[in-house]
N, C-alpha and C. Protein backbone atom coordinates (compact mmCIF):
# COMPACT_ATOMS: atom_id res chain seq x y z
N UNK A 1 6.30 16.08 -16.83
CA UNK A 1 6.06 14.66 -17.02
C UNK A 1 4.57 14.40 -16.83
N UNK A 2 3.95 13.73 -17.79
CA UNK A 2 2.52 13.44 -17.70
C UNK A 2 2.28 12.12 -16.97
N UNK A 3 1.04 11.91 -16.61
CA UNK A 3 0.66 10.66 -15.95
C UNK A 3 0.45 9.57 -16.99
N UNK A 4 0.75 8.33 -16.64
CA UNK A 4 0.50 7.23 -17.58
C UNK A 4 -1.01 7.05 -17.76
N UNK A 5 -1.39 6.62 -18.95
CA UNK A 5 -2.80 6.36 -19.23
C UNK A 5 -2.93 5.19 -20.20
N UNK A 6 -4.09 4.58 -20.20
CA UNK A 6 -4.35 3.43 -21.06
C UNK A 6 -4.81 3.91 -22.43
N UNK A 7 -4.51 3.11 -23.46
CA UNK A 7 -4.91 3.49 -24.82
C UNK A 7 -4.89 2.31 -25.77
N UNK A 8 -5.11 2.61 -27.04
CA UNK A 8 -5.11 1.61 -28.09
C UNK A 8 -3.72 1.47 -28.70
N UNK A 9 -3.56 0.47 -29.57
CA UNK A 9 -2.29 0.25 -30.27
C UNK A 9 -1.88 1.54 -30.99
N UNK A 10 -0.63 1.96 -30.83
CA UNK A 10 -0.16 3.18 -31.49
C UNK A 10 -0.28 3.07 -33.02
N UNK A 11 -0.75 4.12 -33.65
CA UNK A 11 -0.94 4.11 -35.11
C UNK A 11 0.36 3.98 -35.89
N UNK A 12 1.46 4.40 -35.28
CA UNK A 12 2.75 4.39 -35.99
C UNK A 12 3.42 3.02 -35.99
N UNK A 13 2.88 2.06 -35.25
CA UNK A 13 3.44 0.70 -35.28
C UNK A 13 2.88 -0.06 -36.47
N UNK A 14 3.76 -0.70 -37.21
CA UNK A 14 3.31 -1.47 -38.37
C UNK A 14 2.62 -2.75 -37.90
N UNK A 15 1.88 -3.35 -38.81
CA UNK A 15 1.22 -4.62 -38.49
C UNK A 15 2.29 -5.67 -38.24
N UNK A 16 2.06 -6.48 -37.22
CA UNK A 16 3.02 -7.53 -36.89
C UNK A 16 2.97 -8.65 -37.92
N UNK A 17 4.12 -9.18 -38.23
CA UNK A 17 4.24 -10.40 -39.02
C UNK A 17 5.11 -11.35 -38.20
N UNK A 18 4.46 -12.00 -37.23
CA UNK A 18 5.25 -12.82 -36.31
C UNK A 18 5.87 -14.04 -36.97
N UNK A 19 7.02 -14.42 -36.46
CA UNK A 19 7.68 -15.64 -36.91
C UNK A 19 6.92 -16.84 -36.36
N UNK A 20 7.31 -18.02 -36.77
CA UNK A 20 6.67 -19.25 -36.30
C UNK A 20 6.76 -19.37 -34.78
N UNK A 21 7.92 -19.09 -34.23
CA UNK A 21 8.11 -19.17 -32.77
C UNK A 21 7.27 -18.10 -32.07
N UNK A 22 7.24 -16.90 -32.63
CA UNK A 22 6.43 -15.84 -32.03
C UNK A 22 4.94 -16.22 -32.05
N UNK A 23 4.49 -16.85 -33.12
CA UNK A 23 3.09 -17.30 -33.19
C UNK A 23 2.81 -18.33 -32.10
N UNK A 24 3.76 -19.23 -31.85
CA UNK A 24 3.58 -20.20 -30.77
C UNK A 24 3.46 -19.48 -29.42
N UNK A 25 4.28 -18.46 -29.22
CA UNK A 25 4.22 -17.68 -27.99
C UNK A 25 2.89 -16.95 -27.85
N UNK A 26 2.38 -16.39 -28.92
CA UNK A 26 1.09 -15.70 -28.91
C UNK A 26 -0.03 -16.69 -28.58
N UNK A 27 0.02 -17.87 -29.18
CA UNK A 27 -0.99 -18.89 -28.90
C UNK A 27 -0.95 -19.33 -27.44
N UNK A 28 0.26 -19.49 -26.90
CA UNK A 28 0.40 -19.87 -25.49
C UNK A 28 -0.14 -18.76 -24.57
N UNK A 29 0.17 -17.53 -24.90
CA UNK A 29 -0.34 -16.39 -24.11
C UNK A 29 -1.87 -16.38 -24.11
N UNK A 30 -2.48 -16.60 -25.27
CA UNK A 30 -3.94 -16.64 -25.36
C UNK A 30 -4.51 -17.81 -24.56
N UNK A 31 -3.79 -18.93 -24.54
CA UNK A 31 -4.22 -20.10 -23.75
C UNK A 31 -4.23 -19.76 -22.26
N UNK A 32 -3.20 -19.04 -21.81
CA UNK A 32 -3.13 -18.62 -20.41
C UNK A 32 -4.30 -17.70 -20.09
N UNK A 33 -4.57 -16.74 -20.96
CA UNK A 33 -5.67 -15.80 -20.73
C UNK A 33 -7.00 -16.53 -20.68
N UNK A 34 -7.22 -17.46 -21.61
CA UNK A 34 -8.47 -18.25 -21.61
C UNK A 34 -8.62 -19.03 -20.30
N UNK A 35 -7.52 -19.64 -19.85
CA UNK A 35 -7.56 -20.41 -18.59
C UNK A 35 -7.93 -19.49 -17.43
N UNK A 36 -7.29 -18.35 -17.35
CA UNK A 36 -7.59 -17.42 -16.26
C UNK A 36 -9.04 -16.96 -16.33
N UNK A 37 -9.55 -16.69 -17.52
CA UNK A 37 -10.93 -16.23 -17.68
C UNK A 37 -11.93 -17.32 -17.32
N UNK A 38 -11.64 -18.56 -17.71
CA UNK A 38 -12.57 -19.67 -17.45
C UNK A 38 -12.57 -20.09 -15.98
N UNK A 39 -11.41 -20.06 -15.37
CA UNK A 39 -11.28 -20.55 -14.00
C UNK A 39 -11.41 -19.45 -12.97
N UNK A 40 -11.54 -18.22 -13.42
CA UNK A 40 -11.45 -17.08 -12.52
C UNK A 40 -12.69 -16.73 -11.76
N UNK A 41 -12.52 -15.79 -10.88
CA UNK A 41 -13.56 -15.22 -10.05
C UNK A 41 -14.24 -14.11 -10.86
N UNK A 42 -15.56 -14.03 -10.81
CA UNK A 42 -16.28 -13.01 -11.57
C UNK A 42 -15.94 -11.60 -11.12
N UNK A 43 -15.45 -11.43 -9.90
CA UNK A 43 -15.09 -10.11 -9.40
C UNK A 43 -13.68 -9.68 -9.81
N UNK A 44 -12.94 -10.56 -10.45
CA UNK A 44 -11.57 -10.27 -10.84
C UNK A 44 -11.52 -9.90 -12.32
N UNK A 45 -10.91 -8.76 -12.61
CA UNK A 45 -10.77 -8.31 -13.99
C UNK A 45 -9.46 -8.81 -14.57
N UNK A 46 -9.50 -9.30 -15.81
CA UNK A 46 -8.31 -9.74 -16.51
C UNK A 46 -8.16 -8.83 -17.72
N UNK A 47 -7.09 -8.08 -17.76
CA UNK A 47 -6.84 -7.15 -18.86
C UNK A 47 -5.70 -7.74 -19.69
N UNK A 48 -5.98 -8.01 -20.95
CA UNK A 48 -5.00 -8.67 -21.82
C UNK A 48 -4.50 -7.71 -22.90
N UNK A 49 -3.18 -7.54 -22.97
CA UNK A 49 -2.56 -6.77 -24.05
C UNK A 49 -2.88 -5.29 -24.06
N UNK A 50 -3.08 -4.69 -22.91
CA UNK A 50 -3.43 -3.28 -22.81
C UNK A 50 -2.22 -2.38 -23.06
N UNK A 51 -2.38 -1.41 -23.93
CA UNK A 51 -1.31 -0.45 -24.20
C UNK A 51 -1.33 0.64 -23.13
N UNK A 52 -0.13 1.05 -22.70
CA UNK A 52 0.02 2.11 -21.70
C UNK A 52 0.90 3.20 -22.30
N UNK A 53 0.43 4.44 -22.26
CA UNK A 53 1.18 5.59 -22.75
C UNK A 53 1.67 6.40 -21.56
N UNK A 54 2.92 6.85 -21.66
CA UNK A 54 3.47 7.67 -20.60
C UNK A 54 4.50 8.59 -21.24
N UNK A 55 4.19 9.88 -21.26
CA UNK A 55 4.99 10.85 -22.00
C UNK A 55 5.13 10.37 -23.45
N UNK A 56 6.34 10.17 -23.92
CA UNK A 56 6.55 9.72 -25.30
C UNK A 56 6.78 8.22 -25.39
N UNK A 57 6.68 7.53 -24.26
CA UNK A 57 6.92 6.10 -24.23
C UNK A 57 5.60 5.34 -24.30
N UNK A 58 5.70 4.10 -24.74
CA UNK A 58 4.53 3.22 -24.78
C UNK A 58 5.00 1.82 -24.41
N UNK A 59 4.16 1.08 -23.67
CA UNK A 59 4.49 -0.29 -23.32
C UNK A 59 3.20 -1.11 -23.29
N UNK A 60 3.34 -2.43 -23.29
CA UNK A 60 2.19 -3.31 -23.34
C UNK A 60 2.43 -4.57 -22.49
N UNK A 61 1.99 -4.56 -21.23
CA UNK A 61 2.10 -5.78 -20.43
C UNK A 61 1.21 -6.87 -21.02
N UNK A 62 1.62 -8.12 -20.87
CA UNK A 62 0.82 -9.22 -21.41
C UNK A 62 -0.54 -9.31 -20.72
N UNK A 63 -0.54 -9.39 -19.39
CA UNK A 63 -1.79 -9.55 -18.65
C UNK A 63 -1.70 -8.72 -17.37
N UNK A 64 -2.81 -8.07 -17.04
CA UNK A 64 -2.95 -7.37 -15.77
C UNK A 64 -4.17 -7.99 -15.09
N UNK A 65 -3.98 -8.51 -13.88
CA UNK A 65 -5.08 -9.14 -13.14
C UNK A 65 -5.43 -8.21 -11.98
N UNK A 66 -6.71 -7.77 -11.96
CA UNK A 66 -7.16 -6.82 -10.96
C UNK A 66 -8.23 -7.48 -10.08
N UNK A 67 -7.82 -8.06 -8.95
CA UNK A 67 -8.80 -8.66 -8.03
C UNK A 67 -9.49 -7.57 -7.21
N UNK A 68 -10.63 -7.89 -6.59
CA UNK A 68 -11.31 -6.89 -5.79
C UNK A 68 -10.49 -6.42 -4.58
N UNK A 69 -9.67 -7.33 -4.03
CA UNK A 69 -8.81 -6.99 -2.89
C UNK A 69 -7.42 -7.54 -3.17
N UNK A 70 -6.44 -6.98 -2.49
CA UNK A 70 -5.08 -7.46 -2.66
C UNK A 70 -4.38 -6.76 -3.80
N UNK A 71 -3.17 -7.20 -4.08
CA UNK A 71 -2.38 -6.52 -5.10
C UNK A 71 -2.87 -6.79 -6.53
N UNK A 72 -2.67 -5.80 -7.39
CA UNK A 72 -2.86 -5.96 -8.82
C UNK A 72 -1.65 -6.75 -9.32
N UNK A 73 -1.86 -7.77 -10.13
CA UNK A 73 -0.77 -8.64 -10.57
C UNK A 73 -0.45 -8.37 -12.03
N UNK A 74 0.82 -8.06 -12.30
CA UNK A 74 1.30 -7.82 -13.65
C UNK A 74 1.99 -9.10 -14.11
N UNK A 75 1.52 -9.66 -15.24
CA UNK A 75 1.99 -10.97 -15.69
C UNK A 75 2.68 -10.86 -17.05
N UNK A 76 3.82 -11.49 -17.16
CA UNK A 76 4.54 -11.65 -18.43
C UNK A 76 4.47 -13.13 -18.77
N UNK A 77 4.04 -13.45 -20.00
CA UNK A 77 3.92 -14.83 -20.44
C UNK A 77 5.04 -15.12 -21.43
N UNK A 78 5.75 -16.23 -21.22
CA UNK A 78 6.86 -16.62 -22.09
C UNK A 78 6.76 -18.10 -22.41
N UNK A 79 7.18 -18.49 -23.60
CA UNK A 79 7.28 -19.91 -23.90
C UNK A 79 8.35 -20.56 -23.04
N UNK A 80 9.50 -19.90 -22.95
CA UNK A 80 10.61 -20.40 -22.14
C UNK A 80 10.97 -19.34 -21.11
N UNK A 81 11.20 -19.77 -19.89
CA UNK A 81 11.53 -18.86 -18.79
C UNK A 81 12.70 -17.96 -19.16
N UNK A 82 12.54 -16.68 -18.86
CA UNK A 82 13.60 -15.70 -19.11
C UNK A 82 14.05 -15.10 -17.79
N UNK A 83 15.33 -14.85 -17.69
CA UNK A 83 15.90 -14.35 -16.43
C UNK A 83 15.60 -12.87 -16.17
N UNK A 84 15.52 -12.05 -17.21
CA UNK A 84 15.40 -10.60 -17.03
C UNK A 84 13.96 -10.12 -16.89
N UNK A 85 13.00 -11.00 -16.80
CA UNK A 85 11.60 -10.60 -16.77
C UNK A 85 11.25 -9.80 -15.52
N UNK A 86 11.76 -10.20 -14.37
CA UNK A 86 11.41 -9.48 -13.14
C UNK A 86 11.79 -8.01 -13.24
N UNK A 87 12.97 -7.73 -13.75
CA UNK A 87 13.42 -6.34 -13.89
C UNK A 87 12.48 -5.56 -14.81
N UNK A 88 12.11 -6.16 -15.94
CA UNK A 88 11.18 -5.50 -16.88
C UNK A 88 9.83 -5.24 -16.21
N UNK A 89 9.31 -6.25 -15.51
CA UNK A 89 8.02 -6.09 -14.85
C UNK A 89 8.05 -4.95 -13.83
N UNK A 90 9.09 -4.90 -13.03
CA UNK A 90 9.17 -3.89 -11.98
C UNK A 90 9.52 -2.50 -12.53
N UNK A 91 10.53 -2.44 -13.39
CA UNK A 91 11.08 -1.15 -13.81
C UNK A 91 10.34 -0.48 -14.96
N UNK A 92 9.60 -1.25 -15.74
CA UNK A 92 8.86 -0.65 -16.86
C UNK A 92 7.37 -0.64 -16.53
N UNK A 93 6.76 -1.82 -16.48
CA UNK A 93 5.33 -1.89 -16.25
C UNK A 93 4.95 -1.44 -14.84
N UNK A 94 5.73 -1.84 -13.87
CA UNK A 94 5.42 -1.51 -12.48
C UNK A 94 5.38 -0.02 -12.22
N UNK A 95 6.31 0.73 -12.79
CA UNK A 95 6.36 2.17 -12.58
C UNK A 95 5.10 2.84 -13.14
N UNK A 96 4.70 2.45 -14.35
CA UNK A 96 3.51 3.04 -14.96
C UNK A 96 2.23 2.60 -14.24
N UNK A 97 2.11 1.31 -13.96
CA UNK A 97 0.89 0.80 -13.35
C UNK A 97 0.73 1.24 -11.90
N UNK A 98 1.83 1.54 -11.22
CA UNK A 98 1.74 2.03 -9.84
C UNK A 98 0.97 3.34 -9.82
N UNK A 99 1.15 4.17 -10.84
CA UNK A 99 0.42 5.43 -10.90
C UNK A 99 -1.01 5.23 -11.37
N UNK A 100 -1.22 4.32 -12.31
CA UNK A 100 -2.58 4.07 -12.81
C UNK A 100 -3.45 3.49 -11.71
N UNK A 101 -2.92 2.54 -10.95
CA UNK A 101 -3.65 1.91 -9.86
C UNK A 101 -3.21 2.50 -8.53
N UNK A 102 -3.18 3.79 -8.45
CA UNK A 102 -2.71 4.50 -7.26
C UNK A 102 -3.41 3.97 -6.01
N UNK A 103 -2.63 3.70 -5.00
CA UNK A 103 -3.17 3.21 -3.75
C UNK A 103 -3.26 1.70 -3.67
N UNK A 104 -3.08 1.01 -4.78
CA UNK A 104 -3.10 -0.47 -4.79
C UNK A 104 -1.67 -0.98 -4.94
N UNK A 105 -1.27 -1.93 -4.12
CA UNK A 105 0.05 -2.53 -4.33
C UNK A 105 0.05 -3.39 -5.59
N UNK A 106 1.23 -3.65 -6.11
CA UNK A 106 1.41 -4.51 -7.28
C UNK A 106 2.17 -5.76 -6.88
N UNK A 107 1.94 -6.83 -7.61
CA UNK A 107 2.76 -8.04 -7.56
C UNK A 107 3.12 -8.37 -8.99
N UNK A 108 4.14 -9.21 -9.17
CA UNK A 108 4.66 -9.48 -10.51
C UNK A 108 4.84 -10.98 -10.69
N UNK A 109 4.58 -11.46 -11.91
CA UNK A 109 4.67 -12.89 -12.15
C UNK A 109 5.05 -13.18 -13.60
N UNK A 110 5.84 -14.21 -13.77
CA UNK A 110 6.15 -14.75 -15.09
C UNK A 110 5.52 -16.13 -15.17
N UNK A 111 4.70 -16.34 -16.21
CA UNK A 111 4.13 -17.66 -16.47
C UNK A 111 4.82 -18.19 -17.71
N UNK A 112 5.35 -19.41 -17.63
CA UNK A 112 6.11 -19.94 -18.76
C UNK A 112 5.80 -21.42 -18.94
N UNK A 113 6.13 -21.92 -20.15
CA UNK A 113 5.84 -23.30 -20.51
C UNK A 113 7.07 -24.20 -20.40
N UNK A 114 8.23 -23.68 -20.75
CA UNK A 114 9.47 -24.46 -20.77
C UNK A 114 10.46 -23.92 -19.76
N UNK A 115 11.13 -24.82 -19.07
CA UNK A 115 12.07 -24.45 -18.01
C UNK A 115 13.43 -24.12 -18.60
N UNK A 116 14.04 -23.06 -18.08
CA UNK A 116 15.42 -22.72 -18.38
C UNK A 116 16.03 -22.18 -17.09
N UNK A 117 16.18 -23.06 -16.13
CA UNK A 117 16.70 -22.66 -14.82
C UNK A 117 15.56 -22.16 -13.94
N UNK A 118 15.93 -21.70 -12.76
CA UNK A 118 14.94 -21.17 -11.84
C UNK A 118 14.10 -22.26 -11.20
N UNK A 119 13.28 -21.85 -10.28
CA UNK A 119 12.42 -22.79 -9.54
C UNK A 119 11.04 -22.17 -9.44
N UNK A 120 10.03 -22.75 -10.10
CA UNK A 120 8.69 -22.16 -10.02
C UNK A 120 8.11 -22.30 -8.61
N UNK A 121 7.30 -21.31 -8.22
CA UNK A 121 6.66 -21.42 -6.92
C UNK A 121 5.30 -22.09 -7.07
N UNK A 122 4.85 -22.28 -8.31
CA UNK A 122 3.54 -22.89 -8.51
C UNK A 122 3.45 -23.50 -9.91
N UNK A 123 2.40 -24.30 -10.09
CA UNK A 123 2.11 -24.89 -11.39
C UNK A 123 0.68 -24.56 -11.83
N UNK A 124 0.02 -23.68 -11.11
CA UNK A 124 -1.36 -23.29 -11.43
C UNK A 124 -1.45 -21.77 -11.55
N UNK A 125 -1.87 -21.24 -12.72
CA UNK A 125 -1.89 -19.79 -12.93
C UNK A 125 -2.66 -18.99 -11.89
N UNK A 126 -3.77 -19.51 -11.36
CA UNK A 126 -4.53 -18.71 -10.40
C UNK A 126 -3.80 -18.52 -9.07
N UNK A 127 -2.70 -19.18 -8.87
CA UNK A 127 -1.91 -18.94 -7.66
C UNK A 127 -1.27 -17.56 -7.67
N UNK A 128 -1.37 -16.84 -8.78
CA UNK A 128 -0.86 -15.47 -8.80
C UNK A 128 -1.55 -14.60 -7.76
N UNK A 129 -2.79 -14.96 -7.42
CA UNK A 129 -3.51 -14.17 -6.42
C UNK A 129 -3.00 -14.40 -5.01
N UNK A 130 -2.13 -15.39 -4.83
CA UNK A 130 -1.55 -15.61 -3.50
C UNK A 130 -0.24 -14.84 -3.32
N UNK A 131 0.21 -14.14 -4.35
CA UNK A 131 1.43 -13.35 -4.22
C UNK A 131 1.19 -12.19 -3.26
N UNK A 132 2.17 -11.91 -2.45
CA UNK A 132 2.10 -10.79 -1.52
C UNK A 132 2.43 -9.49 -2.27
N UNK A 133 2.05 -8.34 -1.71
CA UNK A 133 2.37 -7.08 -2.37
C UNK A 133 3.87 -6.96 -2.68
N UNK A 134 4.16 -6.56 -3.90
CA UNK A 134 5.51 -6.32 -4.42
C UNK A 134 6.35 -7.58 -4.55
N UNK A 135 5.74 -8.75 -4.39
CA UNK A 135 6.45 -10.02 -4.55
C UNK A 135 6.49 -10.39 -6.03
N UNK A 136 7.53 -11.15 -6.40
CA UNK A 136 7.68 -11.69 -7.75
C UNK A 136 7.62 -13.21 -7.67
N UNK A 137 6.87 -13.82 -8.57
CA UNK A 137 6.79 -15.27 -8.61
C UNK A 137 6.83 -15.79 -10.03
N UNK A 138 7.14 -17.06 -10.16
CA UNK A 138 7.19 -17.71 -11.46
C UNK A 138 6.30 -18.95 -11.44
N UNK A 139 5.55 -19.14 -12.51
CA UNK A 139 4.64 -20.27 -12.61
C UNK A 139 4.96 -21.07 -13.88
N UNK A 140 5.24 -22.33 -13.69
CA UNK A 140 5.44 -23.25 -14.81
C UNK A 140 4.08 -23.89 -15.09
N UNK A 141 3.54 -23.61 -16.27
CA UNK A 141 2.20 -24.12 -16.62
C UNK A 141 2.19 -24.61 -18.05
N UNK A 142 1.70 -25.80 -18.23
CA UNK A 142 1.64 -26.37 -19.57
C UNK A 142 0.23 -26.63 -19.96
């Protein structure tokens, strides 16, 4: 088993032709990234749409926030809150990123625009930096 590593979009994936709803989701994701970049700390790295290769698998977390101290935060952005996001963040992205950021704890967060159950812990995206190591949080942000 090889170690996970960062890379570019796989050549075997066809060009996306997103639906209208998918385009809205992409625009919302870009809005979140812009907000984080504009309001953020210069010492904090924001990695958007990075591809991760691990053996024959490939995955792409929406946003990875790397502050100078504290946990690295893995973020999934959704138009509408989804229930299964925590499992995906922990079991797919978390496993790969734990090895890439060896020695750094991870935290996980879903940022969404529309409510479908659940209770957000915040309404401001930069509150992701207040998550404790290995904690999962949800942010409702419009």
